[in-house]
C-alpha atoms as a PDB file:
ATOM      1  CA  MET A   1      24.697 -27.716   9.858  1.00  0.00           C
ATOM      2  CA  GLU A   2      23.081 -27.631   6.178  1.00  0.00           C
ATOM      3  CA  ALA A   3      21.598 -24.314   5.302  1.00  0.00           C
ATOM      4  CA  ILE A   4      17.996 -23.499   5.944  1.00  0.00           C
ATOM      5  CA  ASP A   5      16.315 -20.318   4.213  1.00  0.00           C
ATOM      6  CA  ALA A   6      12.985 -18.814   4.972  1.00  0.00           C
ATOM      7  CA  VAL A   7      10.959 -17.486   2.189  1.00  0.00           C
ATOM      8  CA  ILE A   8       7.970 -14.890   2.899  1.00  0.00           C
ATOM      9  CA  THR A   9       5.352 -13.845   0.195  1.00  0.00           C
ATOM     10  CA  TRP A  10       4.215 -10.317   0.787  1.00  0.00           C
ATOM     11  CA  VAL A  11       2.070  -7.651  -1.004  1.00  0.00           C
ATOM     12  CA  ASP A  12       1.146  -4.211  -0.143  1.00  0.00           C
ATOM     13  CA  GLY A  13      -2.495  -4.003  -1.443  1.00  0.00           C
ATOM     14  CA  SER A  14      -2.851  -0.511  -0.379  1.00  0.00           C
ATOM     15  CA  ASP A  15      -0.237   0.915  -2.780  1.00  0.00           C
ATOM     16  CA  PRO A  16      -1.801   3.065  -5.475  1.00  0.00           C
ATOM     17  CA  ASP A  17       0.483   1.667  -8.160  1.00  0.00           C
ATOM     18  CA  TYR A  18      -0.412  -2.087  -7.147  1.00  0.00           C
ATOM     19  CA  GLN A  19      -4.167  -1.325  -7.200  1.00  0.00           C
ATOM     20  CA  MET A  20      -4.044   0.423 -10.522  1.00  0.00           C
ATOM     21  CA  ARG A  21      -2.411  -2.747 -12.157  1.00  0.00           C
ATOM     22  CA  TYR A  22      -4.833  -4.881 -10.239  1.00  0.00           C
ATOM     23  CA  ASP A  23      -7.919  -2.948 -11.469  1.00  0.00           C
ATOM     24  CA  LYS A  24      -6.460  -2.932 -15.050  1.00  0.00           C
ATOM     25  CA  TYR A  25      -6.551  -6.740 -15.174  1.00  0.00           C
ATOM     26  CA  LEU A  26      -9.990  -6.845 -13.570  1.00  0.00           C
ATOM     27  CA  SER A  27     -11.301  -5.341 -16.484  1.00  0.00           C
ATOM     28  CA  GLY A  28     -12.431  -2.157 -14.742  1.00  0.00           C
ATOM     29  CA  ARG A  29     -13.851  -4.564 -11.646  1.00  0.00           C
ATOM     30  CA  SER A  30     -12.927  -2.526  -8.355  1.00  0.00           C
ATOM     31  CA  ASP A  31     -12.686  -5.343  -5.892  1.00  0.00           C
ATOM     32  CA  ILE A  32      -9.701  -4.410  -3.933  1.00  0.00           C
ATOM     33  CA  LYS A  33     -10.801  -5.209  -0.567  1.00  0.00           C
ATOM     34  CA  LYS A  34      -9.696  -4.963   2.972  1.00  0.00           C
ATOM     35  CA  GLN A  35      -8.282  -8.584   2.885  1.00  0.00           C
ATOM     36  CA  TYR A  36      -5.722  -7.397   0.192  1.00  0.00           C
ATOM     37  CA  LEU A  37      -4.415  -4.613   2.569  1.00  0.00           C
ATOM     38  CA  GLN A  38      -1.754  -5.126   5.165  1.00  0.00           C
ATOM     39  CA  SER A  39      -1.143  -4.393   8.839  1.00  0.00           C
ATOM     40  CA  ASN A  40       2.645  -4.403   8.327  1.00  0.00           C
ATOM     41  CA  GLU A  41       2.616  -7.976   9.861  1.00  0.00           C
ATOM     42  CA  ILE A  42       5.793  -8.649   7.964  1.00  0.00           C
ATOM     43  CA  THR A  43       7.798  -6.620  10.340  1.00  0.00           C
ATOM     44  CA  PHE A  44       6.642  -9.247  13.219  1.00  0.00           C
ATOM     45  CA  CYS A  45       7.125 -12.281  10.907  1.00  0.00           C
ATOM     46  CA  ILE A  46      10.623 -11.174   9.937  1.00  0.00           C
ATOM     47  CA  GLY A  47      11.625 -10.321  13.551  1.00  0.00           C
ATOM     48  CA  SER A  48      10.256 -13.330  14.810  1.00  0.00           C
ATOM     49  CA  ILE A  49      12.618 -15.574  12.639  1.00  0.00           C
ATOM     50  CA  LEU A  50      15.499 -13.277  13.233  1.00  0.00           C
ATOM     51  CA  LYS A  51      15.060 -13.556  17.021  1.00  0.00           C
ATOM     52  CA  TYR A  52      13.565 -17.268  17.415  1.00  0.00           C
ATOM     53  CA  ALA A  53      15.144 -18.952  14.366  1.00  0.00           C
ATOM     54  CA  PRO A  54      18.763 -17.698  14.369  1.00  0.00           C
ATOM     55  CA  PHE A  55      19.753 -20.980  12.329  1.00  0.00           C
ATOM     56  CA  VAL A  56      17.970 -19.599   9.397  1.00  0.00           C
ATOM     57  CA  ARG A  57      20.703 -18.373   6.863  1.00  0.00           C
ATOM     58  CA  LYS A  58      18.731 -16.013   4.769  1.00  0.00           C
ATOM     59  CA  ILE A  59      15.122 -14.526   4.721  1.00  0.00           C
ATOM     60  CA  PHE A  60      13.677 -14.106   1.112  1.00  0.00           C
ATOM     61  CA  ILE A  61      10.746 -11.510   0.843  1.00  0.00           C
ATOM     62  CA  VAL A  62       9.232 -12.142  -2.666  1.00  0.00           C
ATOM     63  CA  THR A  63       7.147  -9.225  -3.803  1.00  0.00           C
ATOM     64  CA  ASP A  64       6.186  -7.411  -7.025  1.00  0.00           C
ATOM     65  CA  GLY A  65       8.513  -4.161  -7.072  1.00  0.00           C
ATOM     66  CA  GLN A  66       7.607  -3.023  -3.438  1.00  0.00           C
ATOM     67  CA  SER A  67       9.722  -3.285  -0.266  1.00  0.00           C
ATOM     68  CA  PRO A  68       8.295  -3.511   3.391  1.00  0.00           C
ATOM     69  CA  ASN A  69       8.985  -0.749   5.890  1.00  0.00           C
ATOM     70  CA  LEU A  70      11.551  -2.644   8.278  1.00  0.00           C
ATOM     71  CA  GLU A  71      12.719   0.418  10.136  1.00  0.00           C
ATOM     72  CA  LYS A  72      11.275  -1.008  13.499  1.00  0.00           C
ATOM     73  CA  ILE A  73      13.428  -4.440  12.880  1.00  0.00           C
ATOM     74  CA  LYS A  74      16.557  -2.221  12.503  1.00  0.00           C
ATOM     75  CA  LYS A  75      16.193  -0.893  15.963  1.00  0.00           C
ATOM     76  CA  PHE A  76      16.880  -4.426  17.569  1.00  0.00           C
ATOM     77  CA  ALA A  77      18.134  -6.904  14.713  1.00  0.00           C
ATOM     78  CA  PRO A  78      20.637  -6.612  11.933  1.00  0.00           C
ATOM     79  CA  LEU A  79      18.885  -6.973   8.427  1.00  0.00           C
ATOM     80  CA  ASP A  80      21.961  -8.458   6.642  1.00  0.00           C
ATOM     81  CA  LYS A  81      19.803 -11.823   6.100  1.00  0.00           C
ATOM     82  CA  VAL A  82      17.012 -10.063   4.543  1.00  0.00           C
ATOM     83  CA  ASN A  83      16.731 -10.194   0.724  1.00  0.00           C
ATOM     84  CA  ILE A  84      14.016  -8.693  -1.585  1.00  0.00           C
ATOM     85  CA  VAL A  85      13.128 -10.891  -4.409  1.00  0.00           C
ATOM     86  CA  ASP A  86      11.177  -9.413  -7.309  1.00  0.00           C
ATOM     87  CA  HIS A  87       8.512 -11.618  -9.198  1.00  0.00           C
ATOM     88  CA  LYS A  88      10.629 -11.224 -12.220  1.00  0.00           C
ATOM     89  CA  GLU A  89      13.341 -13.083 -10.666  1.00  0.00           C
ATOM     90  CA  ILE A  90      11.171 -16.366  -9.977  1.00  0.00           C
ATOM     91  CA  PHE A  91       9.196 -15.877 -13.262  1.00  0.00           C
ATOM     92  CA  ASN A  92      12.359 -16.138 -15.217  1.00  0.00           C
ATOM     93  CA  GLY A  93      11.388 -18.075 -18.513  1.00  0.00           C
ATOM     94  CA  ALA A  94       7.856 -17.496 -17.591  1.00  0.00           C
ATOM     95  CA  GLU A  95       7.483 -13.600 -17.933  1.00  0.00           C
ATOM     96  CA  GLY A  96       4.485 -14.015 -20.177  1.00  0.00           C
ATOM     97  CA  PHE A  97       2.394 -14.729 -16.915  1.00  0.00           C
ATOM     98  CA  LEU A  98       3.623 -11.362 -15.252  1.00  0.00           C
ATOM     99  CA  PRO A  99       2.029  -9.450 -13.702  1.00  0.00           C
ATOM    100  CA  THR A 100       0.319 -11.867 -11.351  1.00  0.00           C
ATOM    101  CA  PHE A 101      -1.795 -11.033  -8.178  1.00  0.00           C
ATOM    102  CA  ASN A 102      -2.244 -14.599  -7.519  1.00  0.00           C
ATOM    103  CA  VAL A 103      -0.296 -16.104  -4.454  1.00  0.00           C
ATOM    104  CA  ARG A 104      -0.989 -19.600  -5.673  1.00  0.00           C
ATOM    105  CA  SER A 105       0.913 -19.043  -8.906  1.00  0.00           C
ATOM    106  CA  ILE A 106       3.848 -17.000  -7.226  1.00  0.00           C
ATOM    107  CA  ASP A 107       4.169 -20.117  -4.714  1.00  0.00           C
ATOM    108  CA  ALA A 108       4.610 -22.551  -7.413  1.00  0.00           C
ATOM    109  CA  VAL A 109       8.055 -21.085  -8.560  1.00  0.00           C
ATOM    110  CA  LEU A 110       9.357 -20.049  -5.407  1.00  0.00           C
ATOM    111  CA  TYR A 111      12.201 -22.913  -5.851  1.00  0.00           C
ATOM    112  CA  LYS A 112      13.476 -20.634  -8.553  1.00  0.00           C
ATOM    113  CA  ILE A 113      14.792 -17.945  -6.225  1.00  0.00           C
ATOM    114  CA  ASN A 114      18.447 -17.540  -6.691  1.00  0.00           C
ATOM    115  CA  GLY A 115      20.701 -18.846  -4.060  1.00  0.00           C
ATOM    116  CA  LEU A 116      17.674 -20.579  -2.236  1.00  0.00           C
ATOM    117  CA  SER A 117      18.817 -23.256   0.046  1.00  0.00           C
ATOM    118  CA  GLU A 118      17.677 -26.790  -0.400  1.00  0.00           C
ATOM    119  CA  LYS A 119      15.923 -26.943   2.648  1.00  0.00           C
ATOM    120  CA  PHE A 120      13.687 -23.908   3.256  1.00  0.00           C
ATOM    121  CA  ILE A 121      10.384 -22.861   5.118  1.00  0.00           C
ATOM    122  CA  TYR A 122       7.856 -20.826   3.404  1.00  0.00           C
ATOM    123  CA  PHE A 123       5.869 -18.442   5.425  1.00  0.00           C
ATOM    124  CA  ASN A 124       2.938 -15.923   4.821  1.00  0.00           C
ATOM    125  CA  ASP A 125       3.395 -12.741   6.618  1.00  0.00           C
ATOM    126  CA  ASP A 126       0.832 -13.590   9.245  1.00  0.00           C
ATOM    127  CA  MET A 127       2.678 -16.413  10.513  1.00  0.00           C
ATOM    128  CA  PHE A 128       4.931 -15.983  13.654  1.00  0.00           C
ATOM    129  CA  LEU A 129       7.291 -17.465  15.826  1.00  0.00           C
ATOM    130  CA  ILE A 130       7.056 -16.962  19.553  1.00  0.00           C
ATOM    131  CA  LYS A 131       9.468 -18.835  21.150  1.00  0.00           C
ATOM    132  CA  LYS A 132      13.041 -20.164  20.396  1.00  0.00           C
ATOM    133  CA  SER A 133      12.999 -22.999  17.669  1.00  0.00           C
ATOM    134  CA  SER A 134      15.210 -25.206  16.457  1.00  0.00           C
ATOM    135  CA  PRO A 135      16.475 -26.805  13.142  1.00  0.00           C
ATOM    136  CA  GLU A 136      14.772 -30.141  14.058  1.00  0.00           C
ATOM    137  CA  GLU A 137      11.357 -28.799  14.530  1.00  0.00           C
ATOM    138  CA  TRP A 138      11.364 -27.867  10.748  1.00  0.00           C
ATOM    139  CA  PHE A 139      13.727 -30.726   9.301  1.00  0.00           C
ATOM    140  CA  VAL A 140      15.210 -34.255  10.863  1.00  0.00           C
ATOM    141  CA  GLU A 141      18.152 -35.142   8.431  1.00  0.00           C
ATOM    142  CA  ASN A 142      16.758 -35.365   4.794  1.00  0.00           C
ATOM    143  CA  LYS A 143      12.825 -35.256   5.928  1.00  0.00           C
ATOM    144  CA  ALA A 144      10.545 -32.394   6.516  1.00  0.00           C
ATOM    145  CA  VAL A 145       8.291 -32.042   9.701  1.00  0.00           C
ATOM    146  CA  LEU A 146       4.955 -31.756   8.291  1.00  0.00           C
ATOM    147  CA  ARG A 147       2.344 -30.253  10.996  1.00  0.00           C
ATOM    148  CA  GLY A 148      -1.153 -31.374   9.721  1.00  0.00           C
ATOM    149  CA  ASN A 149      -3.535 -34.591   9.717  1.00  0.00           C
ATOM    150  CA  TRP A 150      -4.952 -36.563   7.185  1.00  0.00           C
ATOM    151  CA  SER A 151      -8.534 -35.924   5.547  1.00  0.00           C
ATOM    152  CA  GLN A 152     -10.799 -37.294   2.920  1.00  0.00           C
ATOM    153  CA  THR A 153     -10.122 -35.842  -0.351  1.00  0.00           C
ATOM    154  CA  TYR A 154     -12.752 -33.549  -2.071  1.00  0.00           C
ATOM    155  CA  ASN A 155     -13.269 -35.621  -5.151  1.00  0.00           C
ATOM    156  CA  THR A 156     -14.592 -38.438  -2.968  1.00  0.00           C
ATOM    157  CA  GLN A 157     -17.172 -36.043  -1.280  1.00  0.00           C
ATOM    158  CA  PRO A 158     -19.973 -35.071  -3.844  1.00  0.00           C
ATOM    159  CA  LEU A 159     -21.350 -32.240  -1.625  1.00  0.00           C
ATOM    160  CA  LYS A 160     -17.785 -30.619  -1.512  1.00  0.00           C
ATOM    161  CA  LYS A 161     -17.257 -31.108  -5.192  1.00  0.00           C
ATOM    162  CA  ILE A 162     -20.544 -29.250  -5.802  1.00  0.00           C
ATOM    163  CA  SER A 163     -19.801 -26.637  -3.242  1.00  0.00           C
ATOM    164  CA  ASN A 164     -16.433 -25.917  -4.900  1.00  0.00           C
ATOM    165  CA  MET A 165     -18.120 -25.493  -8.365  1.00  0.00           C
ATOM    166  CA  ILE A 166     -20.573 -23.165  -7.049  1.00  0.00           C
ATOM    167  CA  LYS A 167     -17.637 -20.992  -5.588  1.00  0.00           C
ATOM    168  CA  SER A 168     -15.976 -21.049  -8.895  1.00  0.00           C
ATOM    169  CA  ALA A 169     -19.050 -20.202 -10.836  1.00  0.00           C
ATOM    170  CA  LEU A 170     -19.900 -17.017  -8.339  1.00  0.00           C
ATOM    171  CA  LYS A 171     -15.973 -15.877  -8.143  1.00  0.00           C
ATOM    172  CA  ILE A 172     -16.088 -16.671  -4.395  1.00  0.00           C
ATOM    173  CA  ARG A 173     -12.660 -16.923  -2.984  1.00  0.00           C
ATOM    174  CA  PRO A 174     -11.361 -20.466  -3.902  1.00  0.00           C
ATOM    175  CA  SER A 175     -11.282 -22.821  -0.850  1.00  0.00           C
ATOM    176  CA  TYR A 176      -7.915 -23.247   0.820  1.00  0.00           C
ATOM    177  CA  ASN A 177      -8.471 -26.849   1.707  1.00  0.00           C
ATOM    178  CA  ALA A 178      -9.967 -27.660  -1.677  1.00  0.00           C
ATOM    179  CA  ALA A 179      -6.758 -26.547  -3.026  1.00  0.00           C
ATOM    180  CA  GLN A 180      -4.798 -28.882  -0.786  1.00  0.00           C
ATOM    181  CA  SER A 181      -6.928 -31.831  -1.736  1.00  0.00           C
ATOM    182  CA  LYS A 182      -6.264 -31.131  -5.676  1.00  0.00           C
ATOM    183  CA  ALA A 183      -2.405 -31.096  -4.882  1.00  0.00           C
ATOM    184  CA  ALA A 184      -2.859 -34.384  -3.236  1.00  0.00           C
ATOM    185  CA  ASN A 185      -4.572 -35.800  -6.170  1.00  0.00           C
ATOM    186  CA  ILE A 186      -1.865 -34.559  -8.555  1.00  0.00           C
ATOM    187  CA  ALA A 187       0.525 -36.373  -6.513  1.00  0.00           C
ATOM    188  CA  GLY A 188      -1.405 -39.752  -6.758  1.00  0.00           C
ATOM    189  CA  PHE A 189      -3.491 -39.456  -3.570  1.00  0.00           C
ATOM    190  CA  GLU A 190      -6.973 -40.150  -4.604  1.00  0.00           C
ATOM    191  CA  ARG A 191      -8.836 -40.748  -1.352  1.00  0.00           C
ATOM    192  CA  GLU A 192      -6.996 -38.855   1.364  1.00  0.00           C
ATOM    193  CA  TYR A 193      -4.909 -35.524   1.619  1.00  0.00           C
ATOM    194  CA  PHE A 194      -2.737 -34.261   4.159  1.00  0.00           C
ATOM    195  CA  ARG A 195      -4.251 -31.075   5.435  1.00  0.00           C
ATOM    196  CA  SER A 196      -1.884 -28.433   6.869  1.00  0.00           C
ATOM    197  CA  TYR A 197      -2.443 -25.379   9.169  1.00  0.00           C
ATOM    198  CA  HIS A 198      -1.494 -21.847   9.171  1.00  0.00           C
ATOM    199  CA  SER A 199       2.236 -22.010  10.111  1.00  0.00           C
ATOM    200  CA  GLY A 200       5.776 -22.326   8.533  1.00  0.00           C
ATOM    201  CA  ARG A 201       5.770 -25.172   6.005  1.00  0.00           C
ATOM    202  CA  PRO A 202       9.021 -26.846   5.161  1.00  0.00           C
ATOM    203  CA  GLN A 203      10.062 -27.666   1.778  1.00  0.00           C
ATOM    204  CA  LEU A 204      12.687 -29.306  -0.103  1.00  0.00           C
ATOM    205  CA  LYS A 205      13.631 -27.536  -3.390  1.00  0.00           C
ATOM    206  CA  SER A 206      14.947 -30.577  -5.406  1.00  0.00           C
ATOM    207  CA  VAL A 207      11.584 -32.384  -5.198  1.00  0.00           C
ATOM    208  CA  ILE A 208       9.662 -29.526  -6.171  1.00  0.00           C
ATOM    209  CA  LYS A 209      12.008 -28.801  -9.256  1.00  0.00           C
ATOM    210  CA  SER A 210      12.071 -32.507 -10.260  1.00  0.00           C
ATOM    211  CA  PHE A 211       8.446 -32.915 -10.391  1.00  0.00           C
ATOM    212  CA  TYR A 212       8.046 -29.619 -12.411  1.00  0.00           C
ATOM    213  CA  ASP A 213      10.927 -30.739 -14.732  1.00  0.00           C
ATOM    214  CA  LYS A 214       8.940 -33.806 -15.594  1.00  0.00           C
ATOM    215  CA  ASN A 215       5.477 -32.261 -15.762  1.00  0.00           C
ATOM    216  CA  PRO A 216       6.005 -28.725 -17.283  1.00  0.00           C
ATOM    217  CA  LYS A 217       2.426 -28.616 -18.402  1.00  0.00           C
ATOM    218  CA  VAL A 218       1.302 -28.636 -14.813  1.00  0.00           C
ATOM    219  CA  LEU A 219       3.207 -25.561 -13.807  1.00  0.00           C
ATOM    220  CA  GLU A 220       2.319 -23.849 -16.893  1.00  0.00           C
ATOM    221  CA  LYS A 221      -1.395 -24.398 -16.313  1.00  0.00           C
ATOM    222  CA  GLN A 222      -1.154 -23.288 -12.674  1.00  0.00           C
ATOM    223  CA  LEU A 223       0.799 -20.021 -13.797  1.00  0.00           C
ATOM    224  CA  LYS A 224      -1.751 -18.817 -16.241  1.00  0.00           C
ATOM    225  CA  TYR A 225      -4.226 -17.648 -13.536  1.00  0.00           C
ATOM    226  CA  LYS A 226      -3.773 -14.050 -12.620  1.00  0.00           C
ATOM    227  CA  PHE A 227      -6.092 -14.379  -9.643  1.00  0.00           C
ATOM    228  CA  ARG A 228      -7.011 -17.400  -7.403  1.00  0.00           C
ATOM    229  CA  ASP A 229      -9.054 -19.953  -9.094  1.00  0.00           C
ATOM    230  CA  ALA A 230     -10.764 -23.119  -8.031  1.00  0.00           C
ATOM    231  CA  LYS A 231      -8.806 -24.862 -10.830  1.00  0.00           C
ATOM    232  CA  GLN A 232      -5.757 -24.244  -9.221  1.00  0.00           C
ATOM    233  CA  TYR A 233      -3.769 -26.415  -6.385  1.00  0.00           C
ATOM    234  CA  MET A 234      -1.890 -25.450  -3.367  1.00  0.00           C
ATOM    235  CA  PRO A 235       1.938 -25.517  -4.396  1.00  0.00           C
ATOM    236  CA  TYR A 236       3.340 -25.969  -0.956  1.00  0.00           C
ATOM    237  CA  SER A 237       0.578 -29.008  -0.539  1.00  0.00           C
ATOM    238  CA  LEU A 238       1.977 -30.592  -3.762  1.00  0.00           C
ATOM    239  CA  CYS A 239       5.361 -30.402  -2.233  1.00  0.00           C
ATOM    240  CA  TRP A 240       4.067 -31.952   0.931  1.00  0.00           C
ATOM    241  CA  HIS A 241       2.179 -34.833  -0.874  1.00  0.00           C
ATOM    242  CA  LEU A 242       5.594 -35.641  -3.049  1.00  0.00           C
ATOM    243  CA  LEU A 243       7.550 -35.801   0.148  1.00  0.00           C
ATOM    244  CA  ILE A 244       5.187 -38.201   1.946  1.00  0.00           C
ATOM    245  CA  LYS A 245       5.144 -40.325  -1.351  1.00  0.00           C
ATOM    246  CA  GLU A 246       8.991 -40.340  -1.404  1.00  0.00           C
ATOM    247  CA  ASP A 247       8.859 -41.111   2.446  1.00  0.00           C
ATOM    248  CA  LYS A 248      10.844 -37.772   3.307  1.00  0.00           C
ATOM    249  CA  TYR A 249       8.559 -36.637   5.805  1.00  0.00           C
ATOM    250  CA  ILE A 250       7.726 -36.605   9.502  1.00  0.00           C
ATOM    251  CA  ALA A 251       4.104 -35.978  10.699  1.00  0.00           C
ATOM    252  CA  ALA A 252       3.548 -33.600  13.699  1.00  0.00           C
ATOM    253  CA  SER A 253       0.553 -32.686  15.663  1.00  0.00           C
ATOM    254  CA  LYS A 254      -0.922 -28.931  15.766  1.00  0.00           C
ATOM    255  CA  SER A 255      -0.073 -28.506  19.270  1.00  0.00           C
ATOM    256  CA  ARG A 256       2.667 -26.331  19.036  1.00  0.00           C
ATOM    257  CA  LEU A 257       0.437 -23.890  16.849  1.00  0.00           C
ATOM    258  CA  VAL A 258      -2.255 -21.486  17.749  1.00  0.00           C
ATOM    259  CA  GLU A 259      -4.552 -19.740  14.946  1.00  0.00           C
ATOM    260  CA  ILE A 260      -6.707 -16.732  15.512  1.00  0.00           C
ATOM    261  CA  GLU A 261      -9.044 -16.800  12.408  1.00  0.00           C
ATOM    262  CA  LYS A 262     -11.606 -14.173  13.031  1.00  0.00           C
ATOM    263  CA  ILE A 263      -9.591 -11.409  14.804  1.00  0.00           C
ATOM    264  CA  ARG A 264     -12.217  -8.832  14.319  1.00  0.00           C
ATOM    265  CA  ASN A 265     -14.368 -10.793  16.938  1.00  0.00           C
ATOM    266  CA  TYR A 266     -11.712 -10.178  19.409  1.00  0.00           C
ATOM    267  CA  SER A 267     -11.834  -7.285  22.089  1.00  0.00           C
ATOM    268  CA  PRO A 268      -8.413  -5.941  23.314  1.00  0.00           C
ATOM    269  CA  LYS A 269      -9.375  -7.504  26.675  1.00  0.00           C
ATOM    270  CA  LYS A 270     -10.119 -11.117  25.056  1.00  0.00           C
ATOM    271  CA  LEU A 271      -6.913 -10.799  22.965  1.00  0.00           C
ATOM    272  CA  LYS A 272      -4.847 -10.018  25.980  1.00  0.00           C
ATOM    273  CA  GLU A 273      -5.913 -12.932  27.869  1.00  0.00           C
ATOM    274  CA  VAL A 274      -5.077 -15.135  24.809  1.00  0.00           C
ATOM    275  CA  LEU A 275      -1.604 -13.843  24.462  1.00  0.00           C
ATOM    276  CA  SER A 276      -1.154 -14.124  28.349  1.00  0.00           C
ATOM    277  CA  GLU A 277      -2.069 -17.591  28.040  1.00  0.00           C
ATOM    278  CA  LEU A 278       0.644 -18.129  24.941  1.00  0.00           C
ATOM    279  CA  ASP A 279       3.453 -16.668  27.117  1.00  0.00           C
ATOM    280  CA  ARG A 280       2.452 -19.210  29.910  1.00  0.00           C
ATOM    281  CA  ASN A 281       2.229 -22.095  27.614  1.00  0.00           C
ATOM    282  CA  LYS A 282       5.731 -23.520  26.821  1.00  0.00           C
ATOM    283  CA  GLU A 283       4.716 -25.804  24.315  1.00  0.00           C
ATOM    284  CA  VAL A 284       3.090 -23.287  21.925  1.00  0.00           C
ATOM    285  CA  LYS A 285       5.543 -21.871  19.581  1.00  0.00           C
ATOM    286  CA  LEU A 286       3.773 -20.822  16.432  1.00  0.00           C
ATOM    287  CA  LEU A 287       1.015 -18.274  16.083  1.00  0.00           C
ATOM    288  CA  ASN A 288      -1.142 -17.294  13.171  1.00  0.00           C
ATOM    289  CA  ILE A 289      -3.443 -14.128  13.324  1.00  0.00           C
ATOM    290  CA  GLN A 290      -5.383 -13.960   9.944  1.00  0.00           C
ATOM    291  CA  ASP A 291      -6.479 -10.722   8.469  1.00  0.00           C
ATOM    292  CA  LEU A 292      -5.159  -8.383  11.424  1.00  0.00           C
ATOM    293  CA  ASN A 293      -6.329  -5.328   9.204  1.00  0.00           C
ATOM    294  CA  TYR A 294      -9.998  -6.504  10.086  1.00  0.00           C
ATOM    295  CA  ALA A 295      -9.421  -5.943  13.833  1.00  0.00           C
ATOM    296  CA  SER A 296     -10.042  -2.905  15.700  1.00  0.00           C
ATOM    297  CA  GLU A 297      -7.398  -0.258  16.109  1.00  0.00           C
ATOM    298  CA  ASP A 298      -7.106  -0.908  19.922  1.00  0.00           C
ATOM    299  CA  THR A 299      -7.173  -4.858  19.490  1.00  0.00           C
ATOM    300  CA  SER A 300      -4.661  -4.456  16.844  1.00  0.00           C
ATOM    301  CA  MET A 301      -2.396  -2.117  19.147  1.00  0.00           C
ATOM    302  CA  VAL A 302      -2.528  -5.083  21.844  1.00  0.00           C
ATOM    303  CA  PHE A 303      -0.972  -7.484  19.456  1.00  0.00           C
ATOM    304  CA  LYS A 304       1.775  -5.132  17.956  1.00  0.00           C
ATOM    305  CA  SER A 305       2.602  -3.960  21.697  1.00  0.00           C
ATOM    306  CA  TRP A 306       2.646  -7.466  22.856  1.00  0.00           C
ATOM    307  CA  PHE A 307       4.915  -8.860  20.027  1.00  0.00           C
ATOM    308  CA  TYR A 308       7.028  -5.824  19.905  1.00  0.00           C
ATOM    309  CA  ASN A 309       7.754  -6.117  23.506  1.00  0.00           C
ATOM    310  CA  LYS A 310       8.659  -9.931  23.038  1.00  0.00           C
ATOM    311  CA  LEU A 311      11.210  -8.988  20.256  1.00  0.00           C
ATOM    312  CA  THR A 312      12.977  -6.329  21.904  1.00  0.00           C
ATOM    313  CA  ASN A 313      13.175  -8.191  25.420  1.00  0.00           C
END
């Protein structure tokens, strides 16, 4: 079987050294917010890949001079597959853009990880596998399995264009979907974009590398932003649209994925009910819980206890 790797981007925003560097480049503005902190979700992300996707050859953790606490994982799984990758490695030849605090810049150069396989799956640390997965759920021969649906691009919707401009002017967090739409435009899709959801994203390294080799200015412009900016595109989405353009994809539905977007609104009882239903539903294999650090301590413990029990049994 051809090798498949996993890549996870991660940062601990509570690290004082990280906060100091962050504040320095914000010109004195202190806006380290709770959304930049973490609840050690990466433990469960890595653990879920080790348990439910044993076909994954290596797991690369991309970070900025940090290392996650993986002591709990050591208790039930060997960590010989886990590799820590520093930003300096993937920004080789582009060191002038470091330090960066912008995942959209970091994502653009993940393909430069030393030893990364041609086929790889990109995860954020809040994306989890909850049941056994197979290689064919991510790649079928030389094609990537893309979970999403087609939507109208922002450049054809005046109200969304205006909204995006206002967000940019007010320095509001740039739109996730608008960045996907921009990626589609760069790849040559003017009216529709393939909108993804929050689950692992299969990529083909050669497709990304080939595009940037031919369009170095696109990459250079993307990397210059130290913080997320509305002028940026979503790098993994650019890869997806290039895959679609080259007919190297298979479209899949969202049916295997459950997303919990506002965990702060979940009581412990409500979350228990949702997780119990996930255990009963054999079709759902992917889970995303955004901003777990916003949950109450009791609600957070419900999730962690449930997941730790799954990983150790």
